Amino acid sequence: MKLTQLAAAVGLVAGLLGAGSASATNVCANCVYNAGGATYLGTLNPLVGDIADFTRPDLAVAVATHVTDYWLFDISPAGDFQLLSSFIPAFGTTARITNFTIGLHSASGTCPTVAAPVGAGGLCTGVTIGSLLATATSQIGGAFMTPVTLVSAGRYAFQIDYDLAVANGQTSSYNGQVSVTQTVPEPASLGLVGIALLGAAAGLRRARKA
């Protein structure tokens, strides 16, 4: 009787902790920046550890210029956000990409219901960039990484700024990956687990008295 009740309790707890779980998804595999502006990566679920890859290839200009790119995405539910990005300055008489910076912001705007993985899709309109939540720091080898940042469910953007030198017959690019996780069960799930364990304990006490 005791083993049966304990097994049932363990099964219930496991079911509660795993409720809604699924496999992690790359919601936007190798998404290419839309030259028209802010590009949408899709909705990432921290409960399963979703990721999204992004790239802006073939950067070349005839006149040196400052560039600002916006990549938008949604997170649902709340979770931990982290971004890793790297740029590839083409070798030549001039370093092609300089002053590369990345910031995570709250954001609003109208985006497609589905992110476009390549080409001219995935464009967001009416975009407003909100407060700065995290800044990427430079790593060895031209990589940039934001600290792990807890964010609520909602729409966000990372803003990438850089100076682009004259092409000189060469092109540069940057790429990266957004990842979201949630390592701690949500409070509601913890409450349900507690109820399940209390119920199991009460059942075992009744069995001992019988």
C-alpha atoms as a PDB file:
ATOM      1  CA  MET A   1       0.000   0.000   0.000  1.00  0.00           C
ATOM      2  CA  LYS A   2       2.782   2.421   0.995  1.00  0.00           C
ATOM      3  CA  LEU A   3       4.835   1.744  -2.117  1.00  0.00           C
ATOM      4  CA  THR A   4       1.794   2.134  -4.334  1.00  0.00           C
ATOM      5  CA  GLN A   5       0.921   5.505  -2.814  1.00  0.00           C
ATOM      6  CA  LEU A   6       4.508   6.698  -2.947  1.00  0.00           C
ATOM      7  CA  ALA A   7       4.832   5.697  -6.597  1.00  0.00           C
ATOM      8  CA  ALA A   8       1.627   7.536  -7.402  1.00  0.00           C
ATOM      9  CA  ALA A   9       2.901  10.661  -5.632  1.00  0.00           C
ATOM     10  CA  VAL A  10       6.223  10.544  -7.446  1.00  0.00           C
ATOM     11  CA  GLY A  11       4.418  10.118 -10.746  1.00  0.00           C
ATOM     12  CA  LEU A  12       2.185  13.086 -10.013  1.00  0.00           C
ATOM     13  CA  VAL A  13       5.133  15.294  -9.065  1.00  0.00           C
ATOM     14  CA  ALA A  14       7.003  14.318 -12.224  1.00  0.00           C
ATOM     15  CA  GLY A  15       3.920  15.066 -14.281  1.00  0.00           C
ATOM     16  CA  LEU A  16       3.528  18.492 -12.700  1.00  0.00           C
ATOM     17  CA  LEU A  17       7.167  19.437 -13.214  1.00  0.00           C
ATOM     18  CA  GLY A  18       7.022  18.262 -16.801  1.00  0.00           C
ATOM     19  CA  ALA A  19       3.667  19.790 -17.618  1.00  0.00           C
ATOM     20  CA  GLY A  20       3.814  21.709 -20.860  1.00  0.00           C
ATOM     21  CA  SER A  21       7.331  20.546 -21.605  1.00  0.00           C
ATOM     22  CA  ALA A  22       8.485  19.883 -25.144  1.00  0.00           C
ATOM     23  CA  SER A  23      11.654  19.757 -27.169  1.00  0.00           C
ATOM     24  CA  ALA A  24      13.724  22.878 -27.700  1.00  0.00           C
ATOM     25  CA  THR A  25      13.272  24.524 -31.082  1.00  0.00           C
ATOM     26  CA  ASN A  26      15.442  26.737 -33.246  1.00  0.00           C
ATOM     27  CA  VAL A  27      12.619  29.146 -34.006  1.00  0.00           C
ATOM     28  CA  CYS A  28      14.549  31.012 -36.688  1.00  0.00           C
ATOM     29  CA  ALA A  29      17.384  28.964 -38.132  1.00  0.00           C
ATOM     30  CA  ASN A  30      19.954  31.227 -39.809  1.00  0.00           C
ATOM     31  CA  CYS A  31      17.581  34.174 -40.128  1.00  0.00           C
ATOM     32  CA  VAL A  32      18.947  36.784 -42.528  1.00  0.00           C
ATOM     33  CA  TYR A  33      18.509  40.464 -41.741  1.00  0.00           C
ATOM     34  CA  ASN A  34      15.851  42.251 -43.764  1.00  0.00           C
ATOM     35  CA  ALA A  35      17.483  45.284 -45.377  1.00  0.00           C
ATOM     36  CA  GLY A  36      14.154  47.084 -44.936  1.00  0.00           C
ATOM     37  CA  GLY A  37      14.666  47.356 -41.200  1.00  0.00           C
ATOM     38  CA  ALA A  38      13.781  45.627 -37.939  1.00  0.00           C
ATOM     39  CA  THR A  39      13.722  41.854 -38.465  1.00  0.00           C
ATOM     40  CA  TYR A  40      11.646  39.393 -36.442  1.00  0.00           C
ATOM     41  CA  LEU A  41      13.105  36.192 -34.996  1.00  0.00           C
ATOM     42  CA  GLY A  42       9.900  34.666 -33.598  1.00  0.00           C
ATOM     43  CA  THR A  43       8.673  33.585 -30.161  1.00  0.00           C
ATOM     44  CA  LEU A  44      11.066  31.753 -27.833  1.00  0.00           C
ATOM     45  CA  ASN A  45       9.876  29.538 -24.979  1.00  0.00           C
ATOM     46  CA  PRO A  46      12.232  29.504 -21.955  1.00  0.00           C
ATOM     47  CA  LEU A  47      10.564  26.376 -20.543  1.00  0.00           C
ATOM     48  CA  VAL A  48      12.096  24.256 -23.294  1.00  0.00           C
ATOM     49  CA  GLY A  49      15.249  26.287 -24.009  1.00  0.00           C
ATOM     50  CA  ASP A  50      14.419  27.667 -27.462  1.00  0.00           C
ATOM     51  CA  ILE A  51      17.087  29.386 -29.550  1.00  0.00           C
ATOM     52  CA  ALA A  52      17.180  31.594 -32.654  1.00  0.00           C
ATOM     53  CA  ASP A  53      20.087  32.063 -35.055  1.00  0.00           C
ATOM     54  CA  PHE A  54      20.647  35.309 -36.938  1.00  0.00           C
ATOM     55  CA  THR A  55      23.073  36.640 -39.525  1.00  0.00           C
ATOM     56  CA  ARG A  56      23.746  39.736 -41.578  1.00  0.00           C
ATOM     57  CA  PRO A  57      26.092  38.752 -44.417  1.00  0.00           C
ATOM     58  CA  ASP A  58      27.753  40.615 -47.276  1.00  0.00           C
ATOM     59  CA  LEU A  59      28.083  43.999 -45.608  1.00  0.00           C
ATOM     60  CA  ALA A  60      29.648  46.438 -48.070  1.00  0.00           C
ATOM     61  CA  VAL A  61      29.370  50.205 -48.533  1.00  0.00           C
ATOM     62  CA  ALA A  62      30.818  52.728 -50.973  1.00  0.00           C
ATOM     63  CA  VAL A  63      31.018  55.426 -48.283  1.00  0.00           C
ATOM     64  CA  ALA A  64      31.958  54.860 -44.636  1.00  0.00           C
ATOM     65  CA  THR A  65      28.805  54.866 -42.516  1.00  0.00           C
ATOM     66  CA  HIS A  66      27.359  54.105 -39.098  1.00  0.00           C
ATOM     67  CA  VAL A  67      24.803  51.278 -39.107  1.00  0.00           C
ATOM     68  CA  THR A  68      22.097  50.399 -36.582  1.00  0.00           C
ATOM     69  CA  ASP A  69      20.235  47.087 -36.893  1.00  0.00           C
ATOM     70  CA  TYR A  70      17.262  45.955 -34.842  1.00  0.00           C
ATOM     71  CA  TRP A  71      16.282  42.309 -34.306  1.00  0.00           C
ATOM     72  CA  LEU A  72      12.949  41.769 -32.539  1.00  0.00           C
ATOM     73  CA  PHE A  73      11.682  38.652 -30.780  1.00  0.00           C
ATOM     74  CA  ASP A  74       9.117  37.561 -28.199  1.00  0.00           C
ATOM     75  CA  ILE A  75       9.676  35.611 -24.988  1.00  0.00           C
ATOM     76  CA  SER A  76       6.843  33.617 -23.439  1.00  0.00           C
ATOM     77  CA  PRO A  77       6.662  32.869 -20.544  1.00  0.00           C
ATOM     78  CA  ALA A  78       9.213  34.777 -18.463  1.00  0.00           C
ATOM     79  CA  GLY A  79      12.731  33.411 -18.426  1.00  0.00           C
ATOM     80  CA  ASP A  80      16.460  34.018 -18.673  1.00  0.00           C
ATOM     81  CA  PHE A  81      17.778  35.632 -21.860  1.00  0.00           C
ATOM     82  CA  GLN A  82      21.290  35.510 -23.276  1.00  0.00           C
ATOM     83  CA  LEU A  83      22.755  36.592 -26.608  1.00  0.00           C
ATOM     84  CA  LEU A  84      26.063  35.605 -28.169  1.00  0.00           C
ATOM     85  CA  SER A  85      27.212  37.368 -31.331  1.00  0.00           C
ATOM     86  CA  SER A  86      30.411  37.631 -33.336  1.00  0.00           C
ATOM     87  CA  PHE A  87      31.485  39.765 -36.268  1.00  0.00           C
ATOM     88  CA  ILE A  88      33.932  39.001 -39.054  1.00  0.00           C
ATOM     89  CA  PRO A  89      35.877  42.047 -40.235  1.00  0.00           C
ATOM     90  CA  ALA A  90      37.322  41.261 -43.660  1.00  0.00           C
ATOM     91  CA  PHE A  91      41.083  41.639 -43.794  1.00  0.00           C
ATOM     92  CA  GLY A  92      42.499  44.390 -45.981  1.00  0.00           C
ATOM     93  CA  THR A  93      43.828  47.922 -45.808  1.00  0.00           C
ATOM     94  CA  THR A  94      41.016  48.884 -43.416  1.00  0.00           C
ATOM     95  CA  ALA A  95      39.241  46.994 -40.642  1.00  0.00           C
ATOM     96  CA  ARG A  96      35.743  46.772 -42.070  1.00  0.00           C
ATOM     97  CA  ILE A  97      33.651  46.670 -38.876  1.00  0.00           C
ATOM     98  CA  THR A  98      34.563  48.809 -35.877  1.00  0.00           C
ATOM     99  CA  ASN A  99      32.816  50.074 -32.728  1.00  0.00           C
ATOM    100  CA  PHE A 100      30.573  46.997 -32.615  1.00  0.00           C
ATOM    101  CA  THR A 101      28.063  47.224 -29.720  1.00  0.00           C
ATOM    102  CA  ILE A 102      24.941  45.285 -28.718  1.00  0.00           C
ATOM    103  CA  GLY A 103      22.158  46.235 -26.303  1.00  0.00           C
ATOM    104  CA  LEU A 104      19.021  44.378 -25.188  1.00  0.00           C
ATOM    105  CA  HIS A 105      15.921  46.594 -25.021  1.00  0.00           C
ATOM    106  CA  SER A 106      12.238  46.316 -24.335  1.00  0.00           C
ATOM    107  CA  ALA A 107      10.358  46.940 -27.574  1.00  0.00           C
ATOM    108  CA  SER A 108       6.985  47.244 -29.249  1.00  0.00           C
ATOM    109  CA  GLY A 109       5.827  47.043 -32.825  1.00  0.00           C
ATOM    110  CA  THR A 110       3.881  44.961 -35.322  1.00  0.00           C
ATOM    111  CA  CYS A 111       5.703  41.821 -36.426  1.00  0.00           C
ATOM    112  CA  PRO A 112       4.739  38.828 -38.606  1.00  0.00           C
ATOM    113  CA  THR A 113       3.079  35.916 -36.864  1.00  0.00           C
ATOM    114  CA  VAL A 114       5.833  33.675 -38.190  1.00  0.00           C
ATOM    115  CA  ALA A 115       9.468  34.620 -38.579  1.00  0.00           C
ATOM    116  CA  ALA A 116      10.958  34.264 -42.049  1.00  0.00           C
ATOM    117  CA  PRO A 117      14.193  32.250 -41.936  1.00  0.00           C
ATOM    118  CA  VAL A 118      15.791  33.773 -45.022  1.00  0.00           C
ATOM    119  CA  GLY A 119      15.431  36.593 -47.515  1.00  0.00           C
ATOM    120  CA  ALA A 120      13.132  39.576 -47.333  1.00  0.00           C
ATOM    121  CA  GLY A 121      10.579  38.274 -44.825  1.00  0.00           C
ATOM    122  CA  GLY A 122      10.206  38.839 -41.112  1.00  0.00           C
ATOM    123  CA  LEU A 123       9.960  42.639 -41.244  1.00  0.00           C
ATOM    124  CA  CYS A 124       8.482  44.494 -38.226  1.00  0.00           C
ATOM    125  CA  THR A 125       6.798  47.895 -38.575  1.00  0.00           C
ATOM    126  CA  GLY A 126       5.948  50.723 -36.194  1.00  0.00           C
ATOM    127  CA  VAL A 127       8.837  49.712 -33.953  1.00  0.00           C
ATOM    128  CA  THR A 128       9.533  51.581 -30.718  1.00  0.00           C
ATOM    129  CA  ILE A 129      12.687  50.775 -28.778  1.00  0.00           C
ATOM    130  CA  GLY A 130      12.359  51.015 -24.998  1.00  0.00           C
ATOM    131  CA  SER A 131      14.710  50.974 -22.043  1.00  0.00           C
ATOM    132  CA  LEU A 132      18.125  49.321 -22.108  1.00  0.00           C
ATOM    133  CA  LEU A 133      18.121  46.064 -20.123  1.00  0.00           C
ATOM    134  CA  ALA A 134      21.573  44.586 -20.806  1.00  0.00           C
ATOM    135  CA  THR A 135      24.723  45.335 -22.760  1.00  0.00           C
ATOM    136  CA  ALA A 136      26.972  42.809 -24.473  1.00  0.00           C
ATOM    137  CA  THR A 137      30.629  42.810 -23.544  1.00  0.00           C
ATOM    138  CA  SER A 138      33.506  41.916 -25.828  1.00  0.00           C
ATOM    139  CA  GLN A 139      34.980  38.426 -25.597  1.00  0.00           C
ATOM    140  CA  ILE A 140      38.157  36.948 -27.042  1.00  0.00           C
ATOM    141  CA  GLY A 141      38.078  36.473 -30.822  1.00  0.00           C
ATOM    142  CA  GLY A 142      35.598  39.177 -31.789  1.00  0.00           C
ATOM    143  CA  ALA A 143      32.656  37.649 -29.902  1.00  0.00           C
ATOM    144  CA  PHE A 144      30.162  39.615 -27.824  1.00  0.00           C
ATOM    145  CA  MET A 145      27.994  38.217 -25.040  1.00  0.00           C
ATOM    146  CA  THR A 146      25.245  39.655 -22.859  1.00  0.00           C
ATOM    147  CA  PRO A 147      24.950  38.569 -19.227  1.00  0.00           C
ATOM    148  CA  VAL A 148      22.133  36.160 -18.428  1.00  0.00           C
ATOM    149  CA  THR A 149      19.175  38.481 -17.840  1.00  0.00           C
ATOM    150  CA  LEU A 150      15.820  37.563 -16.312  1.00  0.00           C
ATOM    151  CA  VAL A 151      13.023  39.100 -18.372  1.00  0.00           C
ATOM    152  CA  SER A 152       9.246  38.964 -18.202  1.00  0.00           C
ATOM    153  CA  ALA A 153       7.109  37.675 -21.048  1.00  0.00           C
ATOM    154  CA  GLY A 154       6.868  40.219 -23.836  1.00  0.00           C
ATOM    155  CA  ARG A 155       8.490  41.706 -26.928  1.00  0.00           C
ATOM    156  CA  TYR A 156      12.165  42.671 -26.983  1.00  0.00           C
ATOM    157  CA  ALA A 157      14.828  43.880 -29.374  1.00  0.00           C
ATOM    158  CA  PHE A 158      18.559  43.787 -29.483  1.00  0.00           C
ATOM    159  CA  GLN A 159      20.145  46.803 -31.110  1.00  0.00           C
ATOM    160  CA  ILE A 160      23.434  46.282 -32.939  1.00  0.00           C
ATOM    161  CA  ASP A 161      25.512  49.345 -33.780  1.00  0.00           C
ATOM    162  CA  TYR A 162      28.718  49.425 -35.780  1.00  0.00           C
ATOM    163  CA  ASP A 163      30.787  51.533 -38.126  1.00  0.00           C
ATOM    164  CA  LEU A 164      31.276  50.093 -41.590  1.00  0.00           C
ATOM    165  CA  ALA A 165      34.303  51.085 -43.678  1.00  0.00           C
ATOM    166  CA  VAL A 166      34.478  51.337 -47.470  1.00  0.00           C
ATOM    167  CA  ALA A 167      34.353  47.887 -49.039  1.00  0.00           C
ATOM    168  CA  ASN A 168      37.706  47.859 -50.854  1.00  0.00           C
ATOM    169  CA  GLY A 169      36.416  44.858 -52.772  1.00  0.00           C
ATOM    170  CA  GLN A 170      35.666  42.953 -49.568  1.00  0.00           C
ATOM    171  CA  THR A 171      32.603  42.249 -47.471  1.00  0.00           C
ATOM    172  CA  SER A 172      32.070  41.655 -43.769  1.00  0.00           C
ATOM    173  CA  SER A 173      29.349  39.986 -41.747  1.00  0.00           C
ATOM    174  CA  TYR A 174      28.121  39.237 -38.272  1.00  0.00           C
ATOM    175  CA  ASN A 175      26.092  36.400 -36.809  1.00  0.00           C
ATOM    176  CA  GLY A 176      24.882  35.133 -33.476  1.00  0.00           C
ATOM    177  CA  GLN A 177      22.373  33.225 -31.433  1.00  0.00           C
ATOM    178  CA  VAL A 178      19.685  34.158 -28.912  1.00  0.00           C
ATOM    179  CA  SER A 179      18.887  31.596 -26.227  1.00  0.00           C
ATOM    180  CA  VAL A 180      16.306  31.517 -23.440  1.00  0.00           C
ATOM    181  CA  THR A 181      16.065  29.170 -20.468  1.00  0.00           C
ATOM    182  CA  GLN A 182      14.116  28.696 -17.281  1.00  0.00           C
ATOM    183  CA  THR A 183      15.914  26.466 -14.806  1.00  0.00           C
ATOM    184  CA  VAL A 184      13.604  26.975 -11.830  1.00  0.00           C
ATOM    185  CA  PRO A 185       9.985  25.681 -11.876  1.00  0.00           C
ATOM    186  CA  GLU A 186       7.355  28.401 -11.901  1.00  0.00           C
ATOM    187  CA  PRO A 187       5.785  29.271  -8.505  1.00  0.00           C
ATOM    188  CA  ALA A 188       2.443  27.789  -9.584  1.00  0.00           C
ATOM    189  CA  SER A 189       4.112  24.481 -10.401  1.00  0.00           C
ATOM    190  CA  LEU A 190       5.969  24.487  -7.081  1.00  0.00           C
ATOM    191  CA  GLY A 191       2.690  25.056  -5.267  1.00  0.00           C
ATOM    192  CA  LEU A 192       1.078  22.118  -7.045  1.00  0.00           C
ATOM    193  CA  VAL A 193       4.073  19.933  -6.230  1.00  0.00           C
ATOM    194  CA  GLY A 194       3.759  20.867  -2.559  1.00  0.00           C
ATOM    195  CA  ILE A 195       0.069  19.955  -2.564  1.00  0.00           C
ATOM    196  CA  ALA A 196       0.863  16.617  -4.180  1.00  0.00           C
ATOM    197  CA  LEU A 197       3.532  15.787  -1.589  1.00  0.00           C
ATOM    198  CA  LEU A 198       1.272  16.808   1.294  1.00  0.00           C
ATOM    199  CA  GLY A 199      -1.463  14.581  -0.084  1.00  0.00           C
ATOM    200  CA  ALA A 200       0.939  11.680  -0.390  1.00  0.00           C
ATOM    201  CA  ALA A 201       2.120  12.139   3.212  1.00  0.00           C
ATOM    202  CA  ALA A 202      -1.443  12.228   4.489  1.00  0.00           C
ATOM    203  CA  GLY A 203      -2.223   9.049   2.594  1.00  0.00           C
ATOM    204  CA  LEU A 204       0.768   7.259   4.116  1.00  0.00           C
ATOM    205  CA  ARG A 205      -0.264   8.349   7.639  1.00  0.00           C
ATOM    206  CA  ARG A 206      -3.746   6.961   7.069  1.00  0.00           C
ATOM    207  CA  ALA A 207      -2.248   3.701   5.801  1.00  0.00           C
ATOM    208  CA  ARG A 208      -0.104   3.340   8.922  1.00  0.00           C
ATOM    209  CA  LYS A 209      -3.137   3.870  11.188  1.00  0.00           C
ATOM    210  CA  ALA A 210      -5.264   1.316   9.309  1.00  0.00           C
END
